[in-house]
Amino acid sequence: MFLTVSRSGGFAGLRTSGELDTSAEPDAGRLEAVAVRLIERPSGTGRPQPDRYVYRLELADGDRVAAVVVAEQDLDQDAAWLLDRVLGPEQGPGESGLRGPGQ
């Protein structure tokens, strides 16, 4: 599965993005399960709030292509972990303001 995340908004209005091929990841099953859940059952209102981030997750898996837009305040712990993971280490630990399990 191939995941793409783009993040926009925040106080400075900066944009960033990341990509991840889950097939090379040791926890591919968890990454894919969280991505599918987020695509199929997005949480919250989806309406952005001032000075908060908005995330777009795109999923490509064979013939299946799907996308969802989620506002920062609507993320649960697993979704936050997934988005941070796809955005990658160049963000720095916790720089996106999200925390995953055990952090």
N, C-alpha and C. Protein backbone atom coordinates (compact mmCIF):
# COMPACT_ATOMS: atom_id res chain seq x y z
N MET A 1 0.86 -1.17 0.00
CA MET A 1 0.00 0.00 0.00
C MET A 1 0.91 1.24 0.00
N PHE A 2 0.49 2.24 -0.73
CA PHE A 2 1.25 3.48 -0.82
C PHE A 2 0.40 4.60 -0.22
N LEU A 3 0.97 5.30 0.77
CA LEU A 3 0.25 6.37 1.47
C LEU A 3 0.92 7.71 1.20
N THR A 4 0.11 8.74 0.99
CA THR A 4 0.60 10.10 0.84
C THR A 4 -0.19 10.98 1.81
N VAL A 5 0.53 11.82 2.55
CA VAL A 5 -0.11 12.75 3.48
C VAL A 5 0.37 14.15 3.14
N SER A 6 -0.57 15.08 3.07
CA SER A 6 -0.20 16.49 2.95
C SER A 6 -0.85 17.21 4.13
N ARG A 7 -0.11 18.16 4.67
CA ARG A 7 -0.59 18.92 5.82
C ARG A 7 -0.52 20.40 5.46
N SER A 8 -1.58 21.12 5.76
CA SER A 8 -1.61 22.56 5.50
C SER A 8 -2.24 23.26 6.69
N GLY A 9 -2.09 24.57 6.70
CA GLY A 9 -2.70 25.36 7.75
C GLY A 9 -1.73 25.65 8.87
N GLY A 10 -2.25 25.73 10.06
CA GLY A 10 -1.43 26.09 11.21
C GLY A 10 -1.26 27.60 11.27
N PHE A 11 -0.57 28.04 12.28
CA PHE A 11 -0.40 29.47 12.51
C PHE A 11 0.27 30.17 11.33
N ALA A 12 1.31 29.53 10.76
CA ALA A 12 2.06 30.15 9.66
C ALA A 12 1.53 29.77 8.29
N GLY A 13 0.56 28.86 8.22
CA GLY A 13 0.00 28.46 6.93
C GLY A 13 0.95 27.66 6.07
N LEU A 14 1.90 26.97 6.69
CA LEU A 14 2.88 26.19 5.93
C LEU A 14 2.27 24.89 5.41
N ARG A 15 2.84 24.40 4.32
CA ARG A 15 2.42 23.13 3.73
C ARG A 15 3.60 22.17 3.76
N THR A 16 3.30 20.91 4.02
CA THR A 16 4.32 19.87 3.97
C THR A 16 3.64 18.58 3.54
N SER A 17 4.44 17.64 3.05
CA SER A 17 3.87 16.36 2.63
C SER A 17 4.90 15.25 2.80
N GLY A 18 4.40 14.04 2.79
CA GLY A 18 5.25 12.87 2.88
C GLY A 18 4.59 11.68 2.22
N GLU A 19 5.42 10.68 1.92
CA GLU A 19 4.93 9.46 1.28
C GLU A 19 5.53 8.27 1.99
N LEU A 20 4.81 7.14 1.96
CA LEU A 20 5.30 5.93 2.59
C LEU A 20 4.77 4.72 1.84
N ASP A 21 5.68 3.83 1.46
CA ASP A 21 5.32 2.54 0.90
C ASP A 21 5.31 1.56 2.06
N THR A 22 4.15 1.10 2.46
CA THR A 22 4.05 0.26 3.65
C THR A 22 4.68 -1.11 3.47
N SER A 23 4.88 -1.55 2.24
CA SER A 23 5.43 -2.89 2.02
C SER A 23 6.82 -3.06 2.60
N ALA A 24 7.55 -1.97 2.80
CA ALA A 24 8.91 -2.03 3.33
C ALA A 24 8.95 -1.83 4.84
N GLU A 25 7.81 -1.67 5.47
CA GLU A 25 7.75 -1.35 6.90
C GLU A 25 7.47 -2.59 7.73
N PRO A 26 8.16 -2.75 8.86
CA PRO A 26 7.93 -3.92 9.71
C PRO A 26 6.53 -3.96 10.32
N ASP A 27 5.90 -2.80 10.49
CA ASP A 27 4.55 -2.74 11.05
C ASP A 27 3.52 -2.39 9.97
N ALA A 28 3.73 -2.94 8.78
CA ALA A 28 2.85 -2.65 7.63
C ALA A 28 1.39 -2.95 7.95
N GLY A 29 1.12 -4.04 8.64
CA GLY A 29 -0.26 -4.40 8.95
C GLY A 29 -0.97 -3.33 9.76
N ARG A 30 -0.30 -2.80 10.76
CA ARG A 30 -0.90 -1.75 11.58
C ARG A 30 -1.08 -0.46 10.78
N LEU A 31 -0.05 -0.07 10.03
CA LEU A 31 -0.15 1.14 9.21
C LEU A 31 -1.34 1.05 8.26
N GLU A 32 -1.47 -0.08 7.58
CA GLU A 32 -2.55 -0.26 6.61
C GLU A 32 -3.92 -0.29 7.27
N ALA A 33 -4.01 -0.95 8.42
CA ALA A 33 -5.30 -1.02 9.12
C ALA A 33 -5.77 0.37 9.56
N VAL A 34 -4.85 1.16 10.09
CA VAL A 34 -5.22 2.52 10.53
C VAL A 34 -5.60 3.38 9.32
N ALA A 35 -4.85 3.26 8.23
CA ALA A 35 -5.16 4.04 7.02
C ALA A 35 -6.53 3.68 6.47
N VAL A 36 -6.83 2.41 6.38
CA VAL A 36 -8.13 1.97 5.85
C VAL A 36 -9.25 2.45 6.76
N ARG A 37 -9.07 2.34 8.08
CA ARG A 37 -10.10 2.80 9.01
C ARG A 37 -10.36 4.29 8.85
N LEU A 38 -9.28 5.06 8.71
CA LEU A 38 -9.43 6.51 8.58
C LEU A 38 -10.14 6.87 7.28
N ILE A 39 -9.83 6.16 6.21
CA ILE A 39 -10.48 6.40 4.91
C ILE A 39 -11.96 6.03 4.97
N GLU A 40 -12.25 4.86 5.57
CA GLU A 40 -13.63 4.36 5.56
C GLU A 40 -14.53 5.02 6.60
N ARG A 41 -13.96 5.45 7.72
CA ARG A 41 -14.77 6.04 8.79
C ARG A 41 -14.09 7.28 9.34
N PRO A 42 -14.03 8.34 8.56
CA PRO A 42 -13.40 9.56 9.07
C PRO A 42 -14.14 10.06 10.31
N SER A 43 -13.36 10.62 11.22
CA SER A 43 -13.97 11.10 12.46
C SER A 43 -14.16 12.61 12.44
N GLY A 44 -15.05 13.09 13.25
CA GLY A 44 -15.23 14.53 13.43
C GLY A 44 -15.99 15.20 12.32
N THR A 45 -15.93 16.51 12.36
CA THR A 45 -16.70 17.35 11.45
C THR A 45 -15.98 17.63 10.13
N GLY A 46 -14.64 17.55 10.17
CA GLY A 46 -13.86 17.88 8.98
C GLY A 46 -13.68 19.37 8.76
N ARG A 47 -14.30 20.18 9.60
CA ARG A 47 -14.18 21.63 9.46
C ARG A 47 -12.93 22.12 10.17
N PRO A 48 -12.05 22.81 9.45
CA PRO A 48 -10.84 23.31 10.09
C PRO A 48 -11.16 24.42 11.08
N GLN A 49 -10.26 24.57 12.05
CA GLN A 49 -10.35 25.65 13.02
C GLN A 49 -9.16 26.57 12.81
N PRO A 50 -9.27 27.82 13.20
CA PRO A 50 -8.16 28.76 13.02
C PRO A 50 -6.87 28.24 13.66
N ASP A 51 -5.76 28.42 12.95
CA ASP A 51 -4.42 28.09 13.43
C ASP A 51 -4.22 26.60 13.71
N ARG A 52 -5.03 25.74 13.12
CA ARG A 52 -4.87 24.29 13.28
C ARG A 52 -4.62 23.70 11.91
N TYR A 53 -4.05 22.51 11.91
CA TYR A 53 -3.71 21.83 10.67
C TYR A 53 -4.90 21.10 10.06
N VAL A 54 -4.81 20.91 8.74
CA VAL A 54 -5.73 20.06 8.00
C VAL A 54 -4.87 19.05 7.25
N TYR A 55 -5.25 17.79 7.32
CA TYR A 55 -4.49 16.70 6.70
C TYR A 55 -5.30 16.07 5.58
N ARG A 56 -4.61 15.70 4.52
CA ARG A 56 -5.20 14.93 3.43
C ARG A 56 -4.41 13.63 3.33
N LEU A 57 -5.08 12.52 3.50
CA LEU A 57 -4.48 11.20 3.36
C LEU A 57 -4.97 10.58 2.07
N GLU A 58 -4.02 10.15 1.24
CA GLU A 58 -4.34 9.42 0.02
C GLU A 58 -3.77 8.02 0.15
N LEU A 59 -4.56 7.05 -0.26
CA LEU A 59 -4.20 5.64 -0.17
C LEU A 59 -4.28 5.04 -1.56
N ALA A 60 -3.26 4.33 -1.97
CA ALA A 60 -3.27 3.60 -3.24
C ALA A 60 -2.85 2.17 -2.96
N ASP A 61 -3.70 1.23 -3.33
CA ASP A 61 -3.44 -0.19 -3.09
C ASP A 61 -4.00 -0.98 -4.26
N GLY A 62 -3.14 -1.28 -5.22
CA GLY A 62 -3.61 -1.95 -6.42
C GLY A 62 -4.56 -1.05 -7.19
N ASP A 63 -5.78 -1.54 -7.42
CA ASP A 63 -6.78 -0.75 -8.14
C ASP A 63 -7.53 0.22 -7.24
N ARG A 64 -7.34 0.08 -5.95
CA ARG A 64 -8.06 0.95 -5.01
C ARG A 64 -7.29 2.24 -4.77
N VAL A 65 -7.96 3.37 -4.98
CA VAL A 65 -7.41 4.69 -4.69
C VAL A 65 -8.49 5.44 -3.93
N ALA A 66 -8.10 6.01 -2.79
CA ALA A 66 -9.07 6.73 -1.96
C ALA A 66 -8.36 7.86 -1.25
N ALA A 67 -9.15 8.82 -0.80
CA ALA A 67 -8.58 9.96 -0.08
C ALA A 67 -9.59 10.47 0.95
N VAL A 68 -9.05 11.10 1.99
CA VAL A 68 -9.89 11.71 3.02
C VAL A 68 -9.18 12.96 3.52
N VAL A 69 -9.96 13.95 3.91
CA VAL A 69 -9.43 15.17 4.52
C VAL A 69 -9.91 15.18 5.96
N VAL A 70 -8.97 15.40 6.90
CA VAL A 70 -9.30 15.37 8.32
C VAL A 70 -8.70 16.60 9.00
N ALA A 71 -9.49 17.26 9.80
CA ALA A 71 -9.01 18.40 10.57
C ALA A 71 -8.25 17.90 11.80
N GLU A 72 -7.25 18.67 12.22
CA GLU A 72 -6.39 18.27 13.34
C GLU A 72 -7.18 17.91 14.60
N GLN A 73 -8.17 18.69 14.94
CA GLN A 73 -8.91 18.45 16.18
C GLN A 73 -9.75 17.17 16.12
N ASP A 74 -9.91 16.59 14.95
CA ASP A 74 -10.71 15.38 14.79
C ASP A 74 -9.89 14.10 14.81
N LEU A 75 -8.58 14.21 14.96
CA LEU A 75 -7.72 13.03 14.93
C LEU A 75 -7.74 12.28 16.25
N ASP A 76 -7.84 10.95 16.15
CA ASP A 76 -7.64 10.15 17.35
C ASP A 76 -6.16 9.77 17.42
N GLN A 77 -5.76 9.07 18.46
CA GLN A 77 -4.36 8.75 18.69
C GLN A 77 -3.75 7.93 17.55
N ASP A 78 -4.48 6.93 17.06
CA ASP A 78 -3.95 6.10 15.98
C ASP A 78 -3.79 6.89 14.68
N ALA A 79 -4.77 7.72 14.36
CA ALA A 79 -4.69 8.53 13.14
C ALA A 79 -3.52 9.51 13.23
N ALA A 80 -3.33 10.12 14.39
CA ALA A 80 -2.22 11.05 14.58
C ALA A 80 -0.89 10.34 14.39
N TRP A 81 -0.77 9.14 14.95
CA TRP A 81 0.45 8.33 14.80
C TRP A 81 0.72 8.05 13.32
N LEU A 82 -0.30 7.62 12.59
CA LEU A 82 -0.15 7.30 11.18
C LEU A 82 0.31 8.53 10.39
N LEU A 83 -0.34 9.65 10.57
CA LEU A 83 0.00 10.85 9.81
C LEU A 83 1.41 11.33 10.12
N ASP A 84 1.81 11.30 11.39
CA ASP A 84 3.19 11.64 11.75
C ASP A 84 4.18 10.69 11.08
N ARG A 85 3.84 9.43 11.08
CA ARG A 85 4.73 8.42 10.49
C ARG A 85 4.93 8.66 8.99
N VAL A 86 3.86 8.97 8.28
CA VAL A 86 3.97 9.20 6.84
C VAL A 86 4.68 10.52 6.55
N LEU A 87 4.46 11.52 7.37
CA LEU A 87 5.14 12.80 7.16
C LEU A 87 6.64 12.65 7.33
N GLY A 88 7.07 11.69 8.14
CA GLY A 88 8.47 11.32 8.17
C GLY A 88 9.34 12.00 9.20
N PRO A 89 10.56 11.49 9.35
CA PRO A 89 11.47 11.98 10.37
C PRO A 89 11.97 13.39 10.14
N GLU A 90 11.90 13.90 8.91
CA GLU A 90 12.35 15.27 8.66
C GLU A 90 11.50 16.28 9.41
N GLN A 91 10.33 15.84 9.87
CA GLN A 91 9.48 16.71 10.68
C GLN A 91 10.07 16.88 12.08
N GLY A 92 10.88 15.93 12.49
CA GLY A 92 11.40 15.94 13.86
C GLY A 92 10.40 15.28 14.78
N PRO A 93 10.86 14.68 15.86
CA PRO A 93 9.95 13.98 16.77
C PRO A 93 8.91 14.92 17.35
N GLY A 94 7.65 14.62 17.08
CA GLY A 94 6.56 15.39 17.65
C GLY A 94 6.42 16.80 17.11
N GLU A 95 7.19 17.17 16.09
CA GLU A 95 7.12 18.55 15.59
C GLU A 95 5.76 18.90 15.04
N SER A 96 5.06 17.92 14.51
CA SER A 96 3.74 18.21 13.97
C SER A 96 2.72 18.49 15.06
N GLY A 97 3.13 18.25 16.31
CA GLY A 97 2.20 18.49 17.42
C GLY A 97 1.33 17.30 17.73
N LEU A 98 1.53 16.20 17.01
CA LEU A 98 0.73 15.01 17.24
C LEU A 98 1.54 14.01 18.03
N ARG A 99 0.86 13.19 18.78
CA ARG A 99 1.53 12.16 19.56
C ARG A 99 0.87 10.82 19.25
N GLY A 100 1.69 9.83 19.06
CA GLY A 100 1.19 8.48 18.83
C GLY A 100 1.28 7.66 20.09
N PRO A 101 0.92 6.38 19.98
CA PRO A 101 0.95 5.50 21.14
C PRO A 101 2.35 5.46 21.75
N GLY A 102 2.42 5.58 23.07
CA GLY A 102 3.68 5.48 23.78
C GLY A 102 4.55 6.71 23.71
N GLN A 103 4.06 7.80 23.17
CA GLN A 103 4.88 9.02 23.06
C GLN A 103 4.41 10.06 24.04
